[in-house]
Amino acid sequence: MDTTKSAMRALALVACALIGSAAQAQAAYPEANIEVNVGVGQKVALWVQSNYNVLCRSLGQPTFELNSTPSLGEIAPEWIDYTVPAGQRCEAMRFPGMVVWYRAGPSPGIDIVVWTVGFPRELTSRVPSSGSHRVTTTIVVH
């Protein structure tokens, strides 16, 4: 009986450690509303994300859908290989990821863009997809 209790405590401790480090393994989804200031002609990353789990396994390439086109510039995803920084769980390992870029055009003003990202799988998900994460981005071009 004592051995069973010790084993259960050890399993609980390991589960807590894995769940606690899951936030380091995969950052949060983008905020539902993002505000950015850019200069005319400037290119900025609106969001950067990798897709891997706490066990250092790839969860597939993130998806991107542009729901509304910008009027003052252009928005484009770039699929990347993300290298985990030193000192973090899974350090120096490479995983699929994505950067969402915005390049301002030649005119100042306010641009509002809506885009959706998703992930093929998540550690805590019982279904193959995490669902959509819709983002409204307000970009002030100076």
N, C-alpha and C. Protein backbone atom coordinates (compact mmCIF):
# COMPACT_ATOMS: atom_id res chain seq x y z
N MET A 1 0.82 -1.19 0.00
CA MET A 1 0.00 0.00 0.00
C MET A 1 0.86 1.25 0.00
N ASP A 2 1.95 1.23 0.77
CA ASP A 2 2.85 2.36 0.84
C ASP A 2 3.51 2.63 -0.52
N THR A 3 3.85 1.56 -1.23
CA THR A 3 4.47 1.68 -2.55
C THR A 3 3.49 2.29 -3.55
N THR A 4 2.24 1.92 -3.46
CA THR A 4 1.22 2.46 -4.36
C THR A 4 1.03 3.95 -4.13
N LYS A 5 0.99 4.38 -2.88
CA LYS A 5 0.85 5.81 -2.57
C LYS A 5 2.05 6.59 -3.09
N SER A 6 3.24 6.06 -2.91
CA SER A 6 4.45 6.73 -3.39
C SER A 6 4.44 6.84 -4.91
N ALA A 7 4.01 5.79 -5.58
CA ALA A 7 3.95 5.80 -7.04
C ALA A 7 2.93 6.83 -7.53
N MET A 8 1.79 6.90 -6.86
CA MET A 8 0.76 7.86 -7.24
C MET A 8 1.22 9.30 -7.03
N ARG A 9 1.91 9.53 -5.93
CA ARG A 9 2.46 10.88 -5.67
C ARG A 9 3.48 11.26 -6.74
N ALA A 10 4.33 10.31 -7.11
CA ALA A 10 5.34 10.57 -8.14
C ALA A 10 4.66 10.88 -9.48
N LEU A 11 3.63 10.14 -9.84
CA LEU A 11 2.90 10.40 -11.08
C LEU A 11 2.24 11.78 -11.05
N ALA A 12 1.66 12.13 -9.92
CA ALA A 12 1.02 13.44 -9.79
C ALA A 12 2.06 14.56 -9.94
N LEU A 13 3.23 14.38 -9.35
CA LEU A 13 4.29 15.37 -9.45
C LEU A 13 4.76 15.54 -10.89
N VAL A 14 4.93 14.43 -11.60
CA VAL A 14 5.35 14.48 -13.01
C VAL A 14 4.27 15.17 -13.85
N ALA A 15 3.01 14.85 -13.62
CA ALA A 15 1.92 15.47 -14.38
C ALA A 15 1.88 16.97 -14.15
N CYS A 16 2.05 17.39 -12.90
CA CYS A 16 2.08 18.83 -12.60
C CYS A 16 3.25 19.52 -13.28
N ALA A 17 4.39 18.88 -13.29
CA ALA A 17 5.58 19.46 -13.93
C ALA A 17 5.37 19.59 -15.43
N LEU A 18 4.77 18.59 -16.06
CA LEU A 18 4.52 18.65 -17.50
C LEU A 18 3.50 19.72 -17.84
N ILE A 19 2.44 19.80 -17.07
CA ILE A 19 1.41 20.81 -17.32
C ILE A 19 1.97 22.21 -17.10
N GLY A 20 2.77 22.39 -16.07
CA GLY A 20 3.36 23.69 -15.77
C GLY A 20 4.31 24.16 -16.84
N SER A 21 5.02 23.24 -17.48
CA SER A 21 5.97 23.65 -18.50
C SER A 21 5.34 23.71 -19.88
N ALA A 22 4.07 23.35 -20.01
CA ALA A 22 3.40 23.42 -21.31
C ALA A 22 3.33 24.84 -21.82
N ALA A 23 3.19 25.81 -20.92
CA ALA A 23 3.14 27.20 -21.34
C ALA A 23 4.46 27.63 -21.97
N GLN A 24 5.57 27.08 -21.50
CA GLN A 24 6.85 27.40 -22.11
C GLN A 24 6.98 26.73 -23.46
N ALA A 25 6.45 25.55 -23.62
CA ALA A 25 6.61 24.81 -24.86
C ALA A 25 5.84 25.47 -26.00
N GLN A 26 4.65 25.99 -25.72
CA GLN A 26 3.88 26.64 -26.76
C GLN A 26 3.27 27.90 -26.19
N ALA A 27 3.60 29.02 -26.79
CA ALA A 27 3.10 30.30 -26.31
C ALA A 27 1.60 30.40 -26.57
N ALA A 28 0.98 31.40 -25.97
CA ALA A 28 -0.46 31.60 -26.10
C ALA A 28 -0.82 32.02 -27.52
N TYR A 29 -2.09 31.86 -27.85
CA TYR A 29 -2.59 32.31 -29.13
C TYR A 29 -2.56 33.83 -29.16
N PRO A 30 -2.69 34.41 -30.35
CA PRO A 30 -2.70 35.87 -30.40
C PRO A 30 -3.92 36.43 -29.69
N GLU A 31 -3.79 37.63 -29.21
CA GLU A 31 -4.92 38.32 -28.59
C GLU A 31 -6.01 38.49 -29.66
N ALA A 32 -7.24 38.60 -29.24
CA ALA A 32 -8.34 38.79 -30.19
C ALA A 32 -8.24 40.14 -30.89
N ASN A 33 -7.64 41.13 -30.21
CA ASN A 33 -7.45 42.46 -30.79
C ASN A 33 -6.01 42.89 -30.59
N ILE A 34 -5.37 43.28 -31.67
CA ILE A 34 -3.97 43.74 -31.62
C ILE A 34 -3.92 45.14 -32.22
N GLU A 35 -3.15 46.02 -31.60
CA GLU A 35 -2.94 47.37 -32.14
C GLU A 35 -1.45 47.56 -32.39
N VAL A 36 -1.12 48.09 -33.58
CA VAL A 36 0.28 48.26 -33.97
C VAL A 36 0.46 49.62 -34.62
N ASN A 37 1.58 50.29 -34.33
CA ASN A 37 1.96 51.53 -35.00
C ASN A 37 3.16 51.24 -35.90
N VAL A 38 3.07 51.67 -37.16
CA VAL A 38 4.17 51.47 -38.11
C VAL A 38 4.39 52.73 -38.93
N GLY A 39 5.58 52.84 -39.48
CA GLY A 39 5.89 53.94 -40.38
C GLY A 39 5.50 53.58 -41.80
N VAL A 40 5.36 54.59 -42.66
CA VAL A 40 5.05 54.36 -44.07
C VAL A 40 6.14 53.47 -44.65
N GLY A 41 5.74 52.40 -45.34
CA GLY A 41 6.67 51.49 -45.98
C GLY A 41 7.34 50.48 -45.05
N GLN A 42 7.09 50.56 -43.77
CA GLN A 42 7.74 49.67 -42.79
C GLN A 42 7.08 48.29 -42.78
N LYS A 43 7.90 47.27 -42.53
CA LYS A 43 7.43 45.89 -42.41
C LYS A 43 7.59 45.47 -40.95
N VAL A 44 6.50 44.95 -40.34
CA VAL A 44 6.54 44.52 -38.94
C VAL A 44 5.90 43.15 -38.79
N ALA A 45 6.40 42.40 -37.81
CA ALA A 45 5.80 41.10 -37.48
C ALA A 45 4.64 41.36 -36.52
N LEU A 46 3.45 40.95 -36.90
CA LEU A 46 2.29 41.11 -36.04
C LEU A 46 2.23 40.01 -34.99
N TRP A 47 2.74 38.83 -35.36
CA TRP A 47 2.65 37.68 -34.45
C TRP A 47 3.61 36.60 -34.91
N VAL A 48 4.29 35.97 -33.95
CA VAL A 48 5.21 34.87 -34.23
C VAL A 48 4.83 33.71 -33.33
N GLN A 49 4.71 32.51 -33.90
CA GLN A 49 4.28 31.36 -33.10
C GLN A 49 4.89 30.07 -33.63
N SER A 50 5.27 29.21 -32.71
CA SER A 50 5.70 27.85 -33.05
C SER A 50 4.60 26.88 -32.65
N ASN A 51 4.74 25.61 -33.02
CA ASN A 51 3.70 24.64 -32.70
C ASN A 51 4.34 23.32 -32.28
N TYR A 52 4.61 23.21 -30.96
CA TYR A 52 5.16 21.97 -30.40
C TYR A 52 4.63 21.77 -28.99
N ASN A 53 4.78 20.55 -28.48
CA ASN A 53 4.23 20.27 -27.16
C ASN A 53 5.31 20.12 -26.10
N VAL A 54 4.89 19.88 -24.88
CA VAL A 54 5.77 19.80 -23.73
C VAL A 54 6.73 18.62 -23.83
N LEU A 55 6.39 17.63 -24.65
CA LEU A 55 7.27 16.48 -24.84
C LEU A 55 8.26 16.71 -25.97
N CYS A 56 8.34 17.96 -26.44
CA CYS A 56 9.26 18.36 -27.51
C CYS A 56 8.95 17.64 -28.81
N ARG A 57 7.68 17.54 -29.13
CA ARG A 57 7.25 16.93 -30.39
C ARG A 57 6.51 17.96 -31.22
N SER A 58 6.75 17.95 -32.49
CA SER A 58 6.07 18.85 -33.40
C SER A 58 4.59 18.52 -33.45
N LEU A 59 3.77 19.56 -33.50
CA LEU A 59 2.32 19.38 -33.63
C LEU A 59 1.83 19.85 -35.00
N GLY A 60 2.74 20.06 -35.92
CA GLY A 60 2.35 20.43 -37.28
C GLY A 60 2.43 21.92 -37.56
N GLN A 61 2.29 22.24 -38.82
CA GLN A 61 2.40 23.62 -39.28
C GLN A 61 1.14 24.41 -38.92
N PRO A 62 1.27 25.60 -38.31
CA PRO A 62 0.10 26.43 -38.05
C PRO A 62 -0.59 26.81 -39.37
N THR A 63 -1.88 27.11 -39.29
CA THR A 63 -2.63 27.51 -40.48
C THR A 63 -2.94 29.00 -40.42
N PHE A 64 -3.20 29.60 -41.57
CA PHE A 64 -3.48 31.03 -41.66
C PHE A 64 -4.56 31.26 -42.71
N GLU A 65 -5.50 32.16 -42.38
CA GLU A 65 -6.52 32.58 -43.33
C GLU A 65 -6.72 34.08 -43.18
N LEU A 66 -6.67 34.79 -44.27
CA LEU A 66 -6.91 36.24 -44.27
C LEU A 66 -8.40 36.46 -44.49
N ASN A 67 -9.07 37.07 -43.50
CA ASN A 67 -10.52 37.27 -43.57
C ASN A 67 -10.90 38.60 -44.19
N SER A 68 -10.03 39.60 -44.07
CA SER A 68 -10.28 40.89 -44.72
C SER A 68 -8.94 41.45 -45.18
N THR A 69 -8.94 42.03 -46.35
CA THR A 69 -7.68 42.54 -46.90
C THR A 69 -7.42 43.96 -46.41
N PRO A 70 -6.15 44.28 -46.17
CA PRO A 70 -5.82 45.64 -45.73
C PRO A 70 -5.95 46.63 -46.89
N SER A 71 -6.25 47.87 -46.58
CA SER A 71 -6.41 48.89 -47.61
C SER A 71 -5.15 49.74 -47.77
N LEU A 72 -4.28 49.78 -46.75
CA LEU A 72 -3.10 50.64 -46.81
C LEU A 72 -1.78 49.88 -46.93
N GLY A 73 -1.85 48.57 -46.97
CA GLY A 73 -0.63 47.78 -47.03
C GLY A 73 -0.96 46.35 -47.39
N GLU A 74 -0.08 45.46 -47.00
CA GLU A 74 -0.33 44.04 -47.28
C GLU A 74 0.04 43.19 -46.07
N ILE A 75 -0.65 42.08 -45.94
CA ILE A 75 -0.40 41.15 -44.85
C ILE A 75 -0.10 39.78 -45.46
N ALA A 76 0.88 39.10 -44.89
CA ALA A 76 1.25 37.80 -45.43
C ALA A 76 1.84 36.92 -44.33
N PRO A 77 1.50 35.63 -44.37
CA PRO A 77 2.12 34.69 -43.43
C PRO A 77 3.45 34.19 -44.00
N GLU A 78 4.34 33.83 -43.11
CA GLU A 78 5.59 33.18 -43.51
C GLU A 78 5.77 31.98 -42.60
N TRP A 79 5.81 30.80 -43.20
CA TRP A 79 6.00 29.58 -42.41
C TRP A 79 7.49 29.41 -42.18
N ILE A 80 7.85 29.18 -40.92
CA ILE A 80 9.25 29.16 -40.52
C ILE A 80 9.60 27.89 -39.76
N ASP A 81 10.89 27.66 -39.60
CA ASP A 81 11.40 26.67 -38.66
C ASP A 81 11.81 27.45 -37.43
N TYR A 82 11.14 27.21 -36.31
CA TYR A 82 11.40 27.92 -35.06
C TYR A 82 12.41 27.13 -34.24
N THR A 83 13.47 27.80 -33.78
CA THR A 83 14.46 27.18 -32.91
C THR A 83 14.22 27.67 -31.49
N VAL A 84 14.03 26.74 -30.56
CA VAL A 84 13.74 27.08 -29.17
C VAL A 84 14.99 27.72 -28.55
N PRO A 85 14.84 28.89 -27.92
CA PRO A 85 15.98 29.58 -27.32
C PRO A 85 16.62 28.79 -26.18
N ALA A 86 17.90 29.05 -25.95
CA ALA A 86 18.64 28.41 -24.86
C ALA A 86 17.99 28.73 -23.53
N GLY A 87 17.98 27.76 -22.64
CA GLY A 87 17.42 27.94 -21.31
C GLY A 87 15.95 27.57 -21.21
N GLN A 88 15.30 27.30 -22.34
CA GLN A 88 13.90 26.90 -22.32
C GLN A 88 13.81 25.40 -22.58
N ARG A 89 12.71 24.82 -22.14
CA ARG A 89 12.47 23.40 -22.40
C ARG A 89 12.55 23.17 -23.91
N CYS A 90 13.18 22.11 -24.33
CA CYS A 90 13.36 21.75 -25.75
C CYS A 90 14.38 22.66 -26.44
N GLU A 91 15.26 23.30 -25.66
CA GLU A 91 16.19 24.27 -26.23
C GLU A 91 16.97 23.69 -27.41
N ALA A 92 17.21 24.54 -28.38
CA ALA A 92 17.96 24.26 -29.61
C ALA A 92 17.23 23.31 -30.56
N MET A 93 16.04 22.84 -30.21
CA MET A 93 15.27 21.99 -31.12
C MET A 93 14.50 22.89 -32.09
N ARG A 94 14.19 22.35 -33.26
CA ARG A 94 13.48 23.13 -34.29
C ARG A 94 12.08 22.56 -34.50
N PHE A 95 11.12 23.49 -34.62
CA PHE A 95 9.73 23.11 -34.82
C PHE A 95 9.10 24.02 -35.87
N PRO A 96 8.00 23.56 -36.49
CA PRO A 96 7.33 24.43 -37.45
C PRO A 96 6.68 25.61 -36.74
N GLY A 97 6.63 26.72 -37.43
CA GLY A 97 6.02 27.91 -36.86
C GLY A 97 5.57 28.86 -37.96
N MET A 98 5.14 30.05 -37.54
CA MET A 98 4.64 31.02 -38.50
C MET A 98 4.85 32.43 -37.99
N VAL A 99 5.13 33.34 -38.91
CA VAL A 99 5.17 34.77 -38.63
C VAL A 99 4.11 35.41 -39.50
N VAL A 100 3.30 36.29 -38.93
CA VAL A 100 2.32 37.05 -39.70
C VAL A 100 2.90 38.45 -39.85
N TRP A 101 3.20 38.82 -41.11
CA TRP A 101 3.84 40.10 -41.42
C TRP A 101 2.83 41.11 -41.95
N TYR A 102 3.08 42.39 -41.66
CA TYR A 102 2.34 43.49 -42.27
C TYR A 102 3.36 44.46 -42.85
N ARG A 103 3.18 44.82 -44.12
CA ARG A 103 4.02 45.84 -44.76
C ARG A 103 3.12 47.01 -45.13
N ALA A 104 3.43 48.16 -44.54
CA ALA A 104 2.65 49.37 -44.80
C ALA A 104 2.95 49.89 -46.20
N GLY A 105 1.95 50.47 -46.80
CA GLY A 105 2.10 51.08 -48.12
C GLY A 105 2.62 52.51 -47.99
N PRO A 106 2.48 53.30 -49.05
CA PRO A 106 3.04 54.66 -49.07
C PRO A 106 2.16 55.72 -48.41
N SER A 107 0.95 55.36 -47.98
CA SER A 107 0.02 56.35 -47.43
C SER A 107 -0.21 56.13 -45.94
N PRO A 108 -0.24 57.22 -45.15
CA PRO A 108 -0.58 57.09 -43.73
C PRO A 108 -2.09 56.91 -43.55
N GLY A 109 -2.46 56.40 -42.38
CA GLY A 109 -3.87 56.20 -42.07
C GLY A 109 -4.04 55.03 -41.12
N ILE A 110 -5.26 54.54 -41.03
CA ILE A 110 -5.57 53.41 -40.15
C ILE A 110 -6.06 52.25 -41.01
N ASP A 111 -5.44 51.11 -40.80
CA ASP A 111 -5.78 49.88 -41.51
C ASP A 111 -6.33 48.88 -40.50
N ILE A 112 -7.43 48.26 -40.82
CA ILE A 112 -7.99 47.22 -39.95
C ILE A 112 -8.03 45.92 -40.74
N VAL A 113 -7.39 44.90 -40.19
CA VAL A 113 -7.27 43.61 -40.87
C VAL A 113 -7.76 42.51 -39.94
N VAL A 114 -8.50 41.56 -40.48
CA VAL A 114 -8.98 40.41 -39.71
C VAL A 114 -8.36 39.16 -40.32
N TRP A 115 -7.75 38.33 -39.46
CA TRP A 115 -7.13 37.09 -39.91
C TRP A 115 -7.38 36.00 -38.89
N THR A 116 -7.25 34.75 -39.31
CA THR A 116 -7.51 33.61 -38.45
C THR A 116 -6.33 32.65 -38.49
N VAL A 117 -5.91 32.19 -37.32
CA VAL A 117 -4.86 31.17 -37.24
C VAL A 117 -5.42 29.95 -36.54
N GLY A 118 -4.78 28.82 -36.79
CA GLY A 118 -5.19 27.58 -36.16
C GLY A 118 -4.00 26.65 -36.06
N PHE A 119 -4.16 25.59 -35.31
CA PHE A 119 -3.10 24.62 -35.10
C PHE A 119 -3.66 23.24 -35.35
N PRO A 120 -2.91 22.38 -36.04
CA PRO A 120 -3.41 21.04 -36.36
C PRO A 120 -3.78 20.22 -35.13
N ARG A 121 -2.96 20.28 -34.09
CA ARG A 121 -3.22 19.50 -32.87
C ARG A 121 -2.70 20.29 -31.66
N GLU A 122 -3.27 20.00 -30.51
CA GLU A 122 -2.79 20.55 -29.26
C GLU A 122 -2.67 19.42 -28.25
N LEU A 123 -1.77 19.59 -27.29
CA LEU A 123 -1.55 18.58 -26.27
C LEU A 123 -2.82 18.23 -25.52
N THR A 124 -3.63 19.23 -25.19
CA THR A 124 -4.82 19.00 -24.37
C THR A 124 -6.07 18.74 -25.19
N SER A 125 -5.97 18.76 -26.51
CA SER A 125 -7.13 18.60 -27.36
C SER A 125 -7.39 17.13 -27.69
N ARG A 126 -8.67 16.75 -27.66
CA ARG A 126 -9.04 15.37 -28.03
C ARG A 126 -9.38 15.27 -29.51
N VAL A 127 -9.49 16.40 -30.17
CA VAL A 127 -9.79 16.43 -31.60
C VAL A 127 -8.56 16.91 -32.36
N PRO A 128 -8.47 16.62 -33.67
CA PRO A 128 -7.27 16.96 -34.42
C PRO A 128 -6.98 18.45 -34.56
N SER A 129 -7.96 19.31 -34.36
CA SER A 129 -7.75 20.74 -34.56
C SER A 129 -8.08 21.52 -33.30
N SER A 130 -7.38 22.64 -33.10
CA SER A 130 -7.64 23.49 -31.95
C SER A 130 -8.78 24.45 -32.22
N GLY A 131 -9.23 24.51 -33.45
CA GLY A 131 -10.24 25.48 -33.81
C GLY A 131 -9.59 26.76 -34.27
N SER A 132 -10.39 27.69 -34.66
CA SER A 132 -9.91 28.95 -35.19
C SER A 132 -9.65 29.96 -34.09
N HIS A 133 -8.67 30.80 -34.32
CA HIS A 133 -8.36 31.90 -33.41
C HIS A 133 -8.38 33.17 -34.28
N ARG A 134 -9.49 33.87 -34.21
CA ARG A 134 -9.69 35.05 -35.06
C ARG A 134 -9.08 36.28 -34.40
N VAL A 135 -8.39 37.07 -35.20
CA VAL A 135 -7.68 38.24 -34.70
C VAL A 135 -8.05 39.46 -35.52
N THR A 136 -8.45 40.54 -34.85
CA THR A 136 -8.68 41.82 -35.50
C THR A 136 -7.50 42.72 -35.16
N THR A 137 -6.81 43.18 -36.19
CA THR A 137 -5.60 43.98 -36.00
C THR A 137 -5.83 45.39 -36.52
N THR A 138 -5.62 46.37 -35.66
CA THR A 138 -5.70 47.78 -36.03
C THR A 138 -4.28 48.29 -36.19
N ILE A 139 -3.97 48.78 -37.39
CA ILE A 139 -2.61 49.22 -37.69
C ILE A 139 -2.68 50.71 -38.02
N VAL A 140 -1.93 51.51 -37.24
CA VAL A 140 -1.85 52.95 -37.50
C VAL A 140 -0.56 53.18 -38.27
N VAL A 141 -0.71 53.66 -39.50
CA VAL A 141 0.43 53.94 -40.37
C VAL A 141 0.74 55.43 -40.28
N HIS A 142 1.97 55.77 -39.86
CA HIS A 142 2.40 57.19 -39.71
C HIS A 142 3.16 57.63 -40.92
